[in-house]
Amino acid sequence: MYGKTMMDREEMMADTKDQINHPSHYQGKVECIDAIEAATEGLVGIEAVCTGNAIKYLFRWKKKGGKEDLEKARRYINRILGDW
């Protein structure tokens, strides 16, 4: 951070905060966390965890992890299916 102006530091902090609260790979009409909350209502334990994680990876696959995120989503879905 040497040589950075105060404005540069403030912009960097704002960018970091935005990536924490509203990451670019989750942008859309619906916040991912809101979709997860709605989809997991009434679920408990590993069902809730796996459902939430599958949604997370499906939300972001195109803008972040590509095929790897789809494989991760499938892993969590398969875990749910295996528990039934």
PDB file of N, CA and C in Angstrom:
ATOM      1  N   MET A   1       0.810  -1.187   0.000  1.00  0.00           N
ATOM      2  CA  MET A   1       0.000   0.000   0.000  1.00  0.00           C
ATOM      3  C   MET A   1       0.856   1.256   0.000  1.00  0.00           C
ATOM      4  N   TYR A   2       2.151   1.114  -0.084  1.00  0.00           N
ATOM      5  CA  TYR A   2       3.023   2.279  -0.127  1.00  0.00           C
ATOM      6  C   TYR A   2       2.756   3.063  -1.400  1.00  0.00           C
ATOM      7  N   GLY A   3       2.772   4.379  -1.286  1.00  0.00           N
ATOM      8  CA  GLY A   3       2.567   5.236  -2.446  1.00  0.00           C
ATOM      9  C   GLY A   3       1.112   5.456  -2.798  1.00  0.00           C
ATOM     10  N   LYS A   4       0.208   4.855  -2.068  1.00  0.00           N
ATOM     11  CA  LYS A   4      -1.220   5.035  -2.330  1.00  0.00           C
ATOM     12  C   LYS A   4      -1.698   6.307  -1.654  1.00  0.00           C
ATOM     13  N   THR A   5      -2.583   7.005  -2.313  1.00  0.00           N
ATOM     14  CA  THR A   5      -3.174   8.197  -1.697  1.00  0.00           C
ATOM     15  C   THR A   5      -4.315   7.766  -0.792  1.00  0.00           C
ATOM     16  N   MET A   6      -4.794   8.686   0.022  1.00  0.00           N
ATOM     17  CA  MET A   6      -5.920   8.393   0.902  1.00  0.00           C
ATOM     18  C   MET A   6      -7.143   7.996   0.080  1.00  0.00           C
ATOM     19  N   MET A   7      -7.368   8.633  -1.065  1.00  0.00           N
ATOM     20  CA  MET A   7      -8.501   8.306  -1.929  1.00  0.00           C
ATOM     21  C   MET A   7      -8.349   6.887  -2.470  1.00  0.00           C
ATOM     22  N   ASP A   8      -7.141   6.505  -2.882  1.00  0.00           N
ATOM     23  CA  ASP A   8      -6.915   5.147  -3.364  1.00  0.00           C
ATOM     24  C   ASP A   8      -7.268   4.127  -2.285  1.00  0.00           C
ATOM     25  N   ARG A   9      -6.862   4.388  -1.072  1.00  0.00           N
ATOM     26  CA  ARG A   9      -7.151   3.479   0.044  1.00  0.00           C
ATOM     27  C   ARG A   9      -8.653   3.385   0.293  1.00  0.00           C
ATOM     28  N   GLU A  10      -9.345   4.515   0.251  1.00  0.00           N
ATOM     29  CA  GLU A  10     -10.798   4.518   0.470  1.00  0.00           C
ATOM     30  C   GLU A  10     -11.509   3.749  -0.631  1.00  0.00           C
ATOM     31  N   GLU A  11     -11.081   3.924  -1.869  1.00  0.00           N
ATOM     32  CA  GLU A  11     -11.696   3.187  -2.982  1.00  0.00           C
ATOM     33  C   GLU A  11     -11.441   1.696  -2.844  1.00  0.00           C
ATOM     34  N   MET A  12     -10.221   1.329  -2.438  1.00  0.00           N
ATOM     35  CA  MET A  12      -9.886  -0.067  -2.262  1.00  0.00           C
ATOM     36  C   MET A  12     -10.737  -0.683  -1.152  1.00  0.00           C
ATOM     37  N   MET A  13     -10.939   0.028  -0.077  1.00  0.00           N
ATOM     38  CA  MET A  13     -11.769  -0.468   1.018  1.00  0.00           C
ATOM     39  C   MET A  13     -13.222  -0.621   0.572  1.00  0.00           C
ATOM     40  N   ALA A  14     -13.719   0.325  -0.212  1.00  0.00           N
ATOM     41  CA  ALA A  14     -15.093   0.247  -0.715  1.00  0.00           C
ATOM     42  C   ALA A  14     -15.253  -0.961  -1.632  1.00  0.00           C
ATOM     43  N   ASP A  15     -14.260  -1.202  -2.493  1.00  0.00           N
ATOM     44  CA  ASP A  15     -14.305  -2.364  -3.383  1.00  0.00           C
ATOM     45  C   ASP A  15     -14.310  -3.666  -2.587  1.00  0.00           C
ATOM     46  N   THR A  16     -13.488  -3.724  -1.544  1.00  0.00           N
ATOM     47  CA  THR A  16     -13.420  -4.914  -0.705  1.00  0.00           C
ATOM     48  C   THR A  16     -14.751  -5.146  -0.006  1.00  0.00           C
ATOM     49  N   LYS A  17     -15.334  -4.088   0.542  1.00  0.00           N
ATOM     50  CA  LYS A  17     -16.621  -4.211   1.226  1.00  0.00           C
ATOM     51  C   LYS A  17     -17.694  -4.671   0.252  1.00  0.00           C
ATOM     52  N   ASP A  18     -17.687  -4.122  -0.971  1.00  0.00           N
ATOM     53  CA  ASP A  18     -18.675  -4.516  -1.967  1.00  0.00           C
ATOM     54  C   ASP A  18     -18.517  -5.993  -2.324  1.00  0.00           C
ATOM     55  N   GLN A  19     -17.286  -6.477  -2.420  1.00  0.00           N
ATOM     56  CA  GLN A  19     -17.055  -7.886  -2.730  1.00  0.00           C
ATOM     57  C   GLN A  19     -17.511  -8.800  -1.589  1.00  0.00           C
ATOM     58  N   ILE A  20     -17.556  -8.274  -0.390  1.00  0.00           N
ATOM     59  CA  ILE A  20     -18.030  -9.053   0.750  1.00  0.00           C
ATOM     60  C   ILE A  20     -19.554  -9.055   0.785  1.00  0.00           C
ATOM     61  N   ASN A  21     -20.166  -7.900   0.607  1.00  0.00           N
ATOM     62  CA  ASN A  21     -21.621  -7.781   0.734  1.00  0.00           C
ATOM     63  C   ASN A  21     -22.384  -8.056  -0.548  1.00  0.00           C
ATOM     64  N   HIS A  22     -21.809  -7.730  -1.679  1.00  0.00           N
ATOM     65  CA  HIS A  22     -22.485  -7.894  -2.971  1.00  0.00           C
ATOM     66  C   HIS A  22     -21.475  -8.302  -4.034  1.00  0.00           C
ATOM     67  N   PRO A  23     -20.924  -9.518  -3.948  1.00  0.00           N
ATOM     68  CA  PRO A  23     -19.912  -9.928  -4.915  1.00  0.00           C
ATOM     69  C   PRO A  23     -20.448  -9.921  -6.339  1.00  0.00           C
ATOM     70  N   SER A  24     -19.594  -9.579  -7.271  1.00  0.00           N
ATOM     71  CA  SER A  24     -20.016  -9.465  -8.672  1.00  0.00           C
ATOM     72  C   SER A  24     -20.520 -10.789  -9.230  1.00  0.00           C
ATOM     73  N   HIS A  25     -20.022 -11.905  -8.727  1.00  0.00           N
ATOM     74  CA  HIS A  25     -20.467 -13.202  -9.244  1.00  0.00           C
ATOM     75  C   HIS A  25     -21.821 -13.631  -8.686  1.00  0.00           C
ATOM     76  N   TYR A  26     -22.448 -12.809  -7.861  1.00  0.00           N
ATOM     77  CA  TYR A  26     -23.799 -13.076  -7.366  1.00  0.00           C
ATOM     78  C   TYR A  26     -24.791 -11.992  -7.783  1.00  0.00           C
ATOM     79  N   GLN A  27     -24.439 -11.154  -8.726  1.00  0.00           N
ATOM     80  CA  GLN A  27     -25.324 -10.060  -9.115  1.00  0.00           C
ATOM     81  C   GLN A  27     -26.506 -10.589  -9.918  1.00  0.00           C
ATOM     82  N   GLY A  28     -27.636  -9.987  -9.700  1.00  0.00           N
ATOM     83  CA  GLY A  28     -28.852 -10.359 -10.409  1.00  0.00           C
ATOM     84  C   GLY A  28     -30.043  -9.713  -9.733  1.00  0.00           C
ATOM     85  N   LYS A  29     -31.220 -10.115 -10.123  1.00  0.00           N
ATOM     86  CA  LYS A  29     -32.438  -9.528  -9.558  1.00  0.00           C
ATOM     87  C   LYS A  29     -32.689 -10.007  -8.136  1.00  0.00           C
ATOM     88  N   VAL A  30     -32.179 -11.173  -7.799  1.00  0.00           N
ATOM     89  CA  VAL A  30     -32.383 -11.757  -6.476  1.00  0.00           C
ATOM     90  C   VAL A  30     -31.012 -11.975  -5.843  1.00  0.00           C
ATOM     91  N   GLU A  31     -30.861 -11.569  -4.588  1.00  0.00           N
ATOM     92  CA  GLU A  31     -29.619 -11.833  -3.860  1.00  0.00           C
ATOM     93  C   GLU A  31     -29.555 -13.330  -3.563  1.00  0.00           C
ATOM     94  N   CYS A  32     -28.411 -13.910  -3.770  1.00  0.00           N
ATOM     95  CA  CYS A  32     -28.220 -15.338  -3.525  1.00  0.00           C
ATOM     96  C   CYS A  32     -28.605 -15.718  -2.099  1.00  0.00           C
ATOM     97  N   ILE A  33     -28.180 -14.934  -1.148  1.00  0.00           N
ATOM     98  CA  ILE A  33     -28.452 -15.261   0.254  1.00  0.00           C
ATOM     99  C   ILE A  33     -29.954 -15.263   0.544  1.00  0.00           C
ATOM    100  N   ASP A  34     -30.713 -14.398  -0.139  1.00  0.00           N
ATOM    101  CA  ASP A  34     -32.165 -14.378   0.039  1.00  0.00           C
ATOM    102  C   ASP A  34     -32.800 -15.632  -0.566  1.00  0.00           C
ATOM    103  N   ALA A  35     -32.288 -16.068  -1.714  1.00  0.00           N
ATOM    104  CA  ALA A  35     -32.798 -17.292  -2.336  1.00  0.00           C
ATOM    105  C   ALA A  35     -32.507 -18.505  -1.460  1.00  0.00           C
ATOM    106  N   ILE A  36     -31.309 -18.548  -0.886  1.00  0.00           N
ATOM    107  CA  ILE A  36     -30.948 -19.656   0.001  1.00  0.00           C
ATOM    108  C   ILE A  36     -31.847 -19.660   1.233  1.00  0.00           C
ATOM    109  N   GLU A  37     -32.065 -18.491   1.802  1.00  0.00           N
ATOM    110  CA  GLU A  37     -32.924 -18.406   2.989  1.00  0.00           C
ATOM    111  C   GLU A  37     -34.327 -18.929   2.683  1.00  0.00           C
ATOM    112  N   ALA A  38     -34.883 -18.529   1.550  1.00  0.00           N
ATOM    113  CA  ALA A  38     -36.230 -18.973   1.182  1.00  0.00           C
ATOM    114  C   ALA A  38     -36.264 -20.473   0.890  1.00  0.00           C
ATOM    115  N   ALA A  39     -35.250 -20.969   0.207  1.00  0.00           N
ATOM    116  CA  ALA A  39     -35.235 -22.377  -0.197  1.00  0.00           C
ATOM    117  C   ALA A  39     -34.977 -23.332   0.960  1.00  0.00           C
ATOM    118  N   THR A  40     -34.325 -22.862   1.996  1.00  0.00           N
ATOM    119  CA  THR A  40     -33.991 -23.752   3.116  1.00  0.00           C
ATOM    120  C   THR A  40     -34.938 -23.617   4.305  1.00  0.00           C
ATOM    121  N   GLU A  41     -35.941 -22.771   4.161  1.00  0.00           N
ATOM    122  CA  GLU A  41     -36.918 -22.623   5.250  1.00  0.00           C
ATOM    123  C   GLU A  41     -37.576 -23.974   5.525  1.00  0.00           C
ATOM    124  N   GLY A  42     -37.548 -24.385   6.747  1.00  0.00           N
ATOM    125  CA  GLY A  42     -38.142 -25.661   7.125  1.00  0.00           C
ATOM    126  C   GLY A  42     -37.200 -26.849   7.017  1.00  0.00           C
ATOM    127  N   LEU A  43     -36.058 -26.664   6.396  1.00  0.00           N
ATOM    128  CA  LEU A  43     -35.074 -27.740   6.316  1.00  0.00           C
ATOM    129  C   LEU A  43     -34.164 -27.663   7.532  1.00  0.00           C
ATOM    130  N   VAL A  44     -33.615 -28.788   7.910  1.00  0.00           N
ATOM    131  CA  VAL A  44     -32.699 -28.801   9.051  1.00  0.00           C
ATOM    132  C   VAL A  44     -31.454 -29.615   8.710  1.00  0.00           C
ATOM    133  N   GLY A  45     -30.421 -29.379   9.466  1.00  0.00           N
ATOM    134  CA  GLY A  45     -29.206 -30.181   9.365  1.00  0.00           C
ATOM    135  C   GLY A  45     -28.600 -30.202   7.980  1.00  0.00           C
ATOM    136  N   ILE A  46     -28.141 -31.384   7.600  1.00  0.00           N
ATOM    137  CA  ILE A  46     -27.395 -31.544   6.353  1.00  0.00           C
ATOM    138  C   ILE A  46     -28.252 -31.226   5.126  1.00  0.00           C
ATOM    139  N   GLU A  47     -29.573 -31.439   5.215  1.00  0.00           N
ATOM    140  CA  GLU A  47     -30.460 -31.069   4.097  1.00  0.00           C
ATOM    141  C   GLU A  47     -30.381 -29.575   3.826  1.00  0.00           C
ATOM    142  N   ALA A  48     -30.434 -28.771   4.877  1.00  0.00           N
ATOM    143  CA  ALA A  48     -30.357 -27.318   4.724  1.00  0.00           C
ATOM    144  C   ALA A  48     -28.996 -26.900   4.198  1.00  0.00           C
ATOM    145  N   VAL A  49     -27.938 -27.479   4.743  1.00  0.00           N
ATOM    146  CA  VAL A  49     -26.573 -27.135   4.320  1.00  0.00           C
ATOM    147  C   VAL A  49     -26.367 -27.475   2.846  1.00  0.00           C
ATOM    148  N   CYS A  50     -26.721 -28.673   2.456  1.00  0.00           N
ATOM    149  CA  CYS A  50     -26.497 -29.108   1.076  1.00  0.00           C
ATOM    150  C   CYS A  50     -27.367 -28.324   0.088  1.00  0.00           C
ATOM    151  N   THR A  51     -28.593 -28.037   0.456  1.00  0.00           N
ATOM    152  CA  THR A  51     -29.467 -27.241  -0.403  1.00  0.00           C
ATOM    153  C   THR A  51     -28.892 -25.845  -0.598  1.00  0.00           C
ATOM    154  N   GLY A  52     -28.484 -25.218   0.488  1.00  0.00           N
ATOM    155  CA  GLY A  52     -27.903 -23.882   0.411  1.00  0.00           C
ATOM    156  C   GLY A  52     -26.642 -23.849  -0.426  1.00  0.00           C
ATOM    157  N   ASN A  53     -25.770 -24.829  -0.223  1.00  0.00           N
ATOM    158  CA  ASN A  53     -24.527 -24.857  -1.000  1.00  0.00           C
ATOM    159  C   ASN A  53     -24.784 -25.118  -2.479  1.00  0.00           C
ATOM    160  N   ALA A  54     -25.714 -26.007  -2.795  1.00  0.00           N
ATOM    161  CA  ALA A  54     -26.042 -26.263  -4.201  1.00  0.00           C
ATOM    162  C   ALA A  54     -26.539 -24.985  -4.871  1.00  0.00           C
ATOM    163  N   ILE A  55     -27.409 -24.258  -4.192  1.00  0.00           N
ATOM    164  CA  ILE A  55     -27.920 -22.994  -4.741  1.00  0.00           C
ATOM    165  C   ILE A  55     -26.778 -22.004  -4.934  1.00  0.00           C
ATOM    166  N   LYS A  56     -25.909 -21.897  -3.949  1.00  0.00           N
ATOM    167  CA  LYS A  56     -24.769 -20.974  -4.035  1.00  0.00           C
ATOM    168  C   LYS A  56     -23.946 -21.248  -5.300  1.00  0.00           C
ATOM    169  N   TYR A  57     -23.610 -22.506  -5.537  1.00  0.00           N
ATOM    170  CA  TYR A  57     -22.786 -22.829  -6.701  1.00  0.00           C
ATOM    171  C   TYR A  57     -23.546 -22.650  -8.012  1.00  0.00           C
ATOM    172  N   LEU A  58     -24.838 -22.919  -8.010  1.00  0.00           N
ATOM    173  CA  LEU A  58     -25.628 -22.696  -9.223  1.00  0.00           C
ATOM    174  C   LEU A  58     -25.778 -21.209  -9.537  1.00  0.00           C
ATOM    175  N   PHE A  59     -25.866 -20.393  -8.508  1.00  0.00           N
ATOM    176  CA  PHE A  59     -25.966 -18.947  -8.705  1.00  0.00           C
ATOM    177  C   PHE A  59     -24.722 -18.383  -9.385  1.00  0.00           C
ATOM    178  N   ARG A  60     -23.556 -18.883  -9.024  1.00  0.00           N
ATOM    179  CA  ARG A  60     -22.325 -18.218  -9.434  1.00  0.00           C
ATOM    180  C   ARG A  60     -21.545 -18.919 -10.536  1.00  0.00           C
ATOM    181  N   TRP A  61     -21.965 -20.097 -10.991  1.00  0.00           N
ATOM    182  CA  TRP A  61     -21.123 -20.905 -11.864  1.00  0.00           C
ATOM    183  C   TRP A  61     -20.671 -20.179 -13.117  1.00  0.00           C
ATOM    184  N   LYS A  62     -21.540 -19.415 -13.733  1.00  0.00           N
ATOM    185  CA  LYS A  62     -21.202 -18.781 -15.016  1.00  0.00           C
ATOM    186  C   LYS A  62     -20.201 -17.639 -14.838  1.00  0.00           C
ATOM    187  N   LYS A  63     -20.233 -16.953 -13.705  1.00  0.00           N
ATOM    188  CA  LYS A  63     -19.373 -15.785 -13.513  1.00  0.00           C
ATOM    189  C   LYS A  63     -18.150 -16.070 -12.655  1.00  0.00           C
ATOM    190  N   LYS A  64     -18.056 -17.258 -12.059  1.00  0.00           N
ATOM    191  CA  LYS A  64     -16.912 -17.492 -11.181  1.00  0.00           C
ATOM    192  C   LYS A  64     -16.235 -18.833 -11.463  1.00  0.00           C
ATOM    193  N   GLY A  65     -16.854 -19.914 -11.090  1.00  0.00           N
ATOM    194  CA  GLY A  65     -16.148 -21.190 -11.083  1.00  0.00           C
ATOM    195  C   GLY A  65     -16.368 -22.099 -12.274  1.00  0.00           C
ATOM    196  N   GLY A  66     -17.277 -21.729 -13.168  1.00  0.00           N
ATOM    197  CA  GLY A  66     -17.517 -22.551 -14.356  1.00  0.00           C
ATOM    198  C   GLY A  66     -17.924 -23.974 -14.025  1.00  0.00           C
ATOM    199  N   LYS A  67     -17.378 -24.913 -14.792  1.00  0.00           N
ATOM    200  CA  LYS A  67     -17.730 -26.329 -14.645  1.00  0.00           C
ATOM    201  C   LYS A  67     -17.459 -26.831 -13.224  1.00  0.00           C
ATOM    202  N   GLU A  68     -16.397 -26.338 -12.606  1.00  0.00           N
ATOM    203  CA  GLU A  68     -16.077 -26.771 -11.235  1.00  0.00           C
ATOM    204  C   GLU A  68     -17.217 -26.444 -10.273  1.00  0.00           C
ATOM    205  N   ASP A  69     -17.822 -25.271 -10.412  1.00  0.00           N
ATOM    206  CA  ASP A  69     -18.950 -24.924  -9.543  1.00  0.00           C
ATOM    207  C   ASP A  69     -20.157 -25.813  -9.826  1.00  0.00           C
ATOM    208  N   LEU A  70     -20.379 -26.185 -11.085  1.00  0.00           N
ATOM    209  CA  LEU A  70     -21.475 -27.097 -11.406  1.00  0.00           C
ATOM    210  C   LEU A  70     -21.239 -28.473 -10.790  1.00  0.00           C
ATOM    211  N   GLU A  71     -19.988 -28.927 -10.810  1.00  0.00           N
ATOM    212  CA  GLU A  71     -19.644 -30.203 -10.184  1.00  0.00           C
ATOM    213  C   GLU A  71     -19.867 -30.142  -8.670  1.00  0.00           C
ATOM    214  N   LYS A  72     -19.532 -29.010  -8.063  1.00  0.00           N
ATOM    215  CA  LYS A  72     -19.751 -28.844  -6.624  1.00  0.00           C
ATOM    216  C   LYS A  72     -21.242 -28.868  -6.312  1.00  0.00           C
ATOM    217  N   ALA A  73     -22.040 -28.179  -7.140  1.00  0.00           N
ATOM    218  CA  ALA A  73     -23.497 -28.190  -6.931  1.00  0.00           C
ATOM    219  C   ALA A  73     -24.023 -29.616  -7.029  1.00  0.00           C
ATOM    220  N   ARG A  74     -23.537 -30.352  -8.033  1.00  0.00           N
ATOM    221  CA  ARG A  74     -23.977 -31.742  -8.210  1.00  0.00           C
ATOM    222  C   ARG A  74     -23.612 -32.591  -6.987  1.00  0.00           C
ATOM    223  N   ARG A  75     -22.433 -32.348  -6.430  1.00  0.00           N
ATOM    224  CA  ARG A  75     -22.000 -33.098  -5.247  1.00  0.00           C
ATOM    225  C   ARG A  75     -22.984 -32.902  -4.094  1.00  0.00           C
ATOM    226  N   TYR A  76     -23.402 -31.654  -3.881  1.00  0.00           N
ATOM    227  CA  TYR A  76     -24.343 -31.391  -2.789  1.00  0.00           C
ATOM    228  C   TYR A  76     -25.724 -31.959  -3.088  1.00  0.00           C
ATOM    229  N   ILE A  77     -26.161 -31.897  -4.329  1.00  0.00           N
ATOM    230  CA  ILE A  77     -27.455 -32.482  -4.703  1.00  0.00           C
ATOM    231  C   ILE A  77     -27.412 -33.989  -4.526  1.00  0.00           C
ATOM    232  N   ASN A  78     -26.310 -34.612  -4.954  1.00  0.00           N
ATOM    233  CA  ASN A  78     -26.171 -36.062  -4.783  1.00  0.00           C
ATOM    234  C   ASN A  78     -26.168 -36.448  -3.310  1.00  0.00           C
ATOM    235  N   ARG A  79     -25.604 -35.624  -2.474  1.00  0.00           N
ATOM    236  CA  ARG A  79     -25.602 -35.889  -1.034  1.00  0.00           C
ATOM    237  C   ARG A  79     -27.039 -35.903  -0.498  1.00  0.00           C
ATOM    238  N   ILE A  80     -27.838 -34.953  -0.960  1.00  0.00           N
ATOM    239  CA  ILE A  80     -29.249 -34.917  -0.547  1.00  0.00           C
ATOM    240  C   ILE A  80     -29.950 -36.180  -1.035  1.00  0.00           C
ATOM    241  N   LEU A  81     -29.753 -36.521  -2.281  1.00  0.00           N
ATOM    242  CA  LEU A  81     -30.407 -37.708  -2.849  1.00  0.00           C
ATOM    243  C   LEU A  81     -29.978 -38.981  -2.134  1.00  0.00           C
ATOM    244  N   GLY A  82     -28.730 -39.045  -1.731  1.00  0.00           N
ATOM    245  CA  GLY A  82     -28.218 -40.222  -1.032  1.00  0.00           C
ATOM    246  C   GLY A  82     -28.753 -40.367   0.371  1.00  0.00           C
ATOM    247  N   ASP A  83     -29.158 -39.245   0.969  1.00  0.00           N
ATOM    248  CA  ASP A  83     -29.672 -39.268   2.333  1.00  0.00           C
ATOM    249  C   ASP A  83     -31.138 -39.677   2.403  1.00  0.00           C
ATOM    250  N   TRP A  84     -31.802 -39.806   1.247  1.00  0.00           N
ATOM    251  CA  TRP A  84     -33.228 -40.146   1.269  1.00  0.00           C
ATOM    252  C   TRP A  84     -33.429 -41.631   1.250  1.00  0.00           C
TER     253      TRP A  84
END
